[in-house]
Amino acid sequence: MSTIAEIERAIEKLPPEQWVEIRRWMDSHISQGRGDATNDSASFDVWLASSTGLAKGLLTTDDRMRETRGED
């Protein structure tokens, strides 16, 4: 297994009690500084700055605001 998709498919086949073991393993690695960019606030800020704008939708923020306010 070399991709996240392959790992996800393999995990989905495991019984729930083994999911718990994987979660424990992941949590222990995050606490050892091997986790993702959300491990501390400075790293989170860097991650957030690099992620800004990546989730592009069909509507702009202004369009979405008009939609939720009921404006036409």
N, C-alpha and C. Protein backbone atom coordinates (compact mmCIF):
# COMPACT_ATOMS: atom_id res chain seq x y z
N MET A 1 0.85 -1.18 0.00
CA MET A 1 0.00 0.00 0.00
C MET A 1 0.89 1.24 0.00
N SER A 2 0.62 2.11 -0.95
CA SER A 2 1.45 3.30 -1.03
C SER A 2 0.65 4.58 -1.15
N THR A 3 -0.67 4.48 -1.24
CA THR A 3 -1.47 5.69 -1.33
C THR A 3 -2.49 5.73 -0.19
N ILE A 4 -2.94 6.93 0.10
CA ILE A 4 -3.96 7.09 1.14
C ILE A 4 -5.22 6.31 0.77
N ALA A 5 -5.60 6.34 -0.49
CA ALA A 5 -6.81 5.62 -0.92
C ALA A 5 -6.69 4.13 -0.64
N GLU A 6 -5.52 3.55 -0.91
CA GLU A 6 -5.32 2.13 -0.65
C GLU A 6 -5.38 1.84 0.85
N ILE A 7 -4.78 2.70 1.64
CA ILE A 7 -4.80 2.53 3.09
C ILE A 7 -6.22 2.66 3.61
N GLU A 8 -6.96 3.65 3.12
CA GLU A 8 -8.35 3.83 3.55
C GLU A 8 -9.19 2.59 3.24
N ARG A 9 -9.02 2.04 2.04
CA ARG A 9 -9.79 0.83 1.67
C ARG A 9 -9.43 -0.34 2.58
N ALA A 10 -8.16 -0.46 2.92
CA ALA A 10 -7.75 -1.55 3.81
C ALA A 10 -8.33 -1.35 5.21
N ILE A 11 -8.31 -0.13 5.70
CA ILE A 11 -8.85 0.14 7.04
C ILE A 11 -10.34 -0.14 7.08
N GLU A 12 -11.05 0.22 6.02
CA GLU A 12 -12.50 -0.03 5.98
C GLU A 12 -12.84 -1.51 6.13
N LYS A 13 -11.94 -2.37 5.76
CA LYS A 13 -12.18 -3.82 5.85
C LYS A 13 -11.91 -4.38 7.24
N LEU A 14 -11.27 -3.61 8.11
CA LEU A 14 -10.93 -4.08 9.45
C LEU A 14 -12.14 -4.05 10.37
N PRO A 15 -12.15 -4.92 11.37
CA PRO A 15 -13.20 -4.85 12.39
C PRO A 15 -13.00 -3.60 13.25
N PRO A 16 -14.07 -3.06 13.82
CA PRO A 16 -13.99 -1.82 14.60
C PRO A 16 -12.93 -1.81 15.70
N GLU A 17 -12.72 -2.94 16.35
CA GLU A 17 -11.72 -2.94 17.43
C GLU A 17 -10.32 -2.68 16.90
N GLN A 18 -10.06 -3.04 15.65
CA GLN A 18 -8.76 -2.74 15.07
C GLN A 18 -8.65 -1.29 14.62
N TRP A 19 -9.79 -0.66 14.33
CA TRP A 19 -9.79 0.78 14.04
C TRP A 19 -9.28 1.53 15.27
N VAL A 20 -9.71 1.06 16.43
CA VAL A 20 -9.29 1.69 17.69
C VAL A 20 -7.77 1.59 17.84
N GLU A 21 -7.22 0.44 17.49
CA GLU A 21 -5.76 0.27 17.57
C GLU A 21 -5.03 1.20 16.60
N ILE A 22 -5.57 1.36 15.41
CA ILE A 22 -4.95 2.28 14.45
C ILE A 22 -5.02 3.71 14.98
N ARG A 23 -6.15 4.06 15.56
CA ARG A 23 -6.30 5.42 16.13
C ARG A 23 -5.28 5.64 17.25
N ARG A 24 -5.10 4.65 18.11
CA ARG A 24 -4.10 4.78 19.19
C ARG A 24 -2.70 4.97 18.61
N TRP A 25 -2.38 4.19 17.57
CA TRP A 25 -1.07 4.30 16.92
C TRP A 25 -0.88 5.69 16.33
N MET A 26 -1.90 6.18 15.63
CA MET A 26 -1.81 7.51 15.03
C MET A 26 -1.68 8.59 16.09
N ASP A 27 -2.47 8.51 17.15
CA ASP A 27 -2.39 9.49 18.23
C ASP A 27 -1.01 9.49 18.88
N SER A 28 -0.42 8.31 19.06
CA SER A 28 0.90 8.27 19.68
C SER A 28 1.95 8.88 18.77
N HIS A 29 1.81 8.73 17.47
CA HIS A 29 2.76 9.33 16.53
C HIS A 29 2.59 10.84 16.44
N ILE A 30 1.36 11.30 16.54
CA ILE A 30 1.13 12.75 16.54
C ILE A 30 1.76 13.37 17.78
N SER A 31 1.61 12.72 18.93
CA SER A 31 2.17 13.26 20.17
C SER A 31 3.69 13.24 20.17
N GLN A 32 4.29 12.44 19.27
CA GLN A 32 5.74 12.39 19.16
C GLN A 32 6.26 13.36 18.10
N GLY A 33 5.39 14.24 17.60
CA GLY A 33 5.81 15.21 16.62
C GLY A 33 5.85 14.69 15.20
N ARG A 34 5.24 13.52 14.96
CA ARG A 34 5.24 12.95 13.61
C ARG A 34 3.91 13.18 12.91
N GLY A 35 3.06 13.97 13.52
CA GLY A 35 1.72 14.15 12.97
C GLY A 35 1.65 15.25 11.94
N ASP A 36 0.44 15.69 11.71
CA ASP A 36 0.23 16.69 10.68
C ASP A 36 0.51 18.10 11.20
N ALA A 37 0.23 19.07 10.39
CA ALA A 37 0.55 20.46 10.70
C ALA A 37 -0.32 21.03 11.81
N THR A 38 -1.32 20.30 12.28
CA THR A 38 -2.17 20.82 13.35
C THR A 38 -1.61 20.47 14.72
N ASN A 39 -0.37 20.00 14.76
CA ASN A 39 0.24 19.55 16.01
C ASN A 39 0.45 20.67 17.02
N ASP A 40 0.71 21.88 16.58
CA ASP A 40 0.83 23.02 17.48
C ASP A 40 0.29 24.24 16.76
N SER A 41 0.07 25.33 17.50
CA SER A 41 -0.61 26.48 16.91
C SER A 41 0.21 27.14 15.81
N ALA A 42 1.53 27.22 15.95
CA ALA A 42 2.36 27.84 14.91
C ALA A 42 2.29 27.02 13.62
N SER A 43 2.40 25.71 13.75
CA SER A 43 2.30 24.85 12.57
C SER A 43 0.92 24.93 11.95
N PHE A 44 -0.09 25.02 12.80
CA PHE A 44 -1.46 25.14 12.29
C PHE A 44 -1.61 26.41 11.48
N ASP A 45 -1.05 27.51 11.96
CA ASP A 45 -1.14 28.78 11.23
C ASP A 45 -0.48 28.67 9.86
N VAL A 46 0.66 27.99 9.79
CA VAL A 46 1.34 27.78 8.51
C VAL A 46 0.47 26.93 7.60
N TRP A 47 -0.08 25.85 8.14
CA TRP A 47 -0.95 24.98 7.35
C TRP A 47 -2.17 25.75 6.85
N LEU A 48 -2.79 26.53 7.72
CA LEU A 48 -3.99 27.27 7.35
C LEU A 48 -3.68 28.28 6.24
N ALA A 49 -2.57 28.99 6.38
CA ALA A 49 -2.19 29.96 5.35
C ALA A 49 -1.97 29.28 4.00
N SER A 50 -1.35 28.11 4.01
CA SER A 50 -1.09 27.41 2.75
C SER A 50 -2.35 26.78 2.18
N SER A 51 -3.37 26.57 3.01
CA SER A 51 -4.60 25.93 2.56
C SER A 51 -5.65 26.92 2.09
N THR A 52 -5.50 28.17 2.46
CA THR A 52 -6.49 29.18 2.13
C THR A 52 -6.70 29.24 0.62
N GLY A 53 -7.97 29.17 0.24
CA GLY A 53 -8.33 29.27 -1.17
C GLY A 53 -8.31 27.96 -1.94
N LEU A 54 -7.92 26.87 -1.31
CA LEU A 54 -7.85 25.60 -2.03
C LEU A 54 -9.22 24.98 -2.29
N ALA A 55 -10.17 25.25 -1.41
CA ALA A 55 -11.51 24.69 -1.57
C ALA A 55 -12.36 25.68 -2.36
N LYS A 56 -12.33 25.54 -3.64
CA LYS A 56 -13.06 26.45 -4.53
C LYS A 56 -14.41 25.85 -4.86
N GLY A 57 -15.42 26.66 -4.71
CA GLY A 57 -16.77 26.23 -5.04
C GLY A 57 -17.28 26.96 -6.27
N LEU A 58 -18.51 26.71 -6.59
CA LEU A 58 -19.10 27.36 -7.75
C LEU A 58 -19.52 28.79 -7.45
N LEU A 59 -19.79 29.08 -6.18
CA LEU A 59 -20.24 30.40 -5.78
C LEU A 59 -19.12 31.16 -5.08
N THR A 60 -19.13 32.47 -5.25
CA THR A 60 -18.19 33.31 -4.50
C THR A 60 -18.74 33.50 -3.10
N THR A 61 -17.94 34.06 -2.23
CA THR A 61 -18.40 34.35 -0.87
C THR A 61 -19.59 35.30 -0.91
N ASP A 62 -19.51 36.33 -1.76
CA ASP A 62 -20.62 37.28 -1.88
C ASP A 62 -21.90 36.58 -2.36
N ASP A 63 -21.75 35.68 -3.34
CA ASP A 63 -22.91 34.91 -3.82
C ASP A 63 -23.52 34.09 -2.69
N ARG A 64 -22.66 33.41 -1.94
CA ARG A 64 -23.14 32.57 -0.83
C ARG A 64 -23.82 33.42 0.25
N MET A 65 -23.27 34.60 0.52
CA MET A 65 -23.88 35.47 1.53
C MET A 65 -25.25 35.95 1.05
N ARG A 66 -25.38 36.34 -0.22
CA ARG A 66 -26.68 36.74 -0.76
C ARG A 66 -27.67 35.58 -0.68
N GLU A 67 -27.20 34.39 -0.99
CA GLU A 67 -28.04 33.21 -0.95
C GLU A 67 -28.57 32.94 0.46
N THR A 68 -27.71 33.01 1.44
CA THR A 68 -28.13 32.71 2.82
C THR A 68 -28.95 33.82 3.44
N ARG A 69 -28.83 35.03 2.90
CA ARG A 69 -29.62 36.16 3.41
C ARG A 69 -30.94 36.29 2.68
N GLY A 70 -31.14 35.50 1.64
CA GLY A 70 -32.37 35.56 0.88
C GLY A 70 -32.41 36.73 -0.10
N GLU A 71 -31.24 37.27 -0.42
CA GLU A 71 -31.17 38.38 -1.37
C GLU A 71 -31.10 37.80 -2.78
N ASP A 72 -31.68 38.52 -3.73
CA ASP A 72 -31.63 38.06 -5.13
C ASP A 72 -30.65 38.87 -5.92
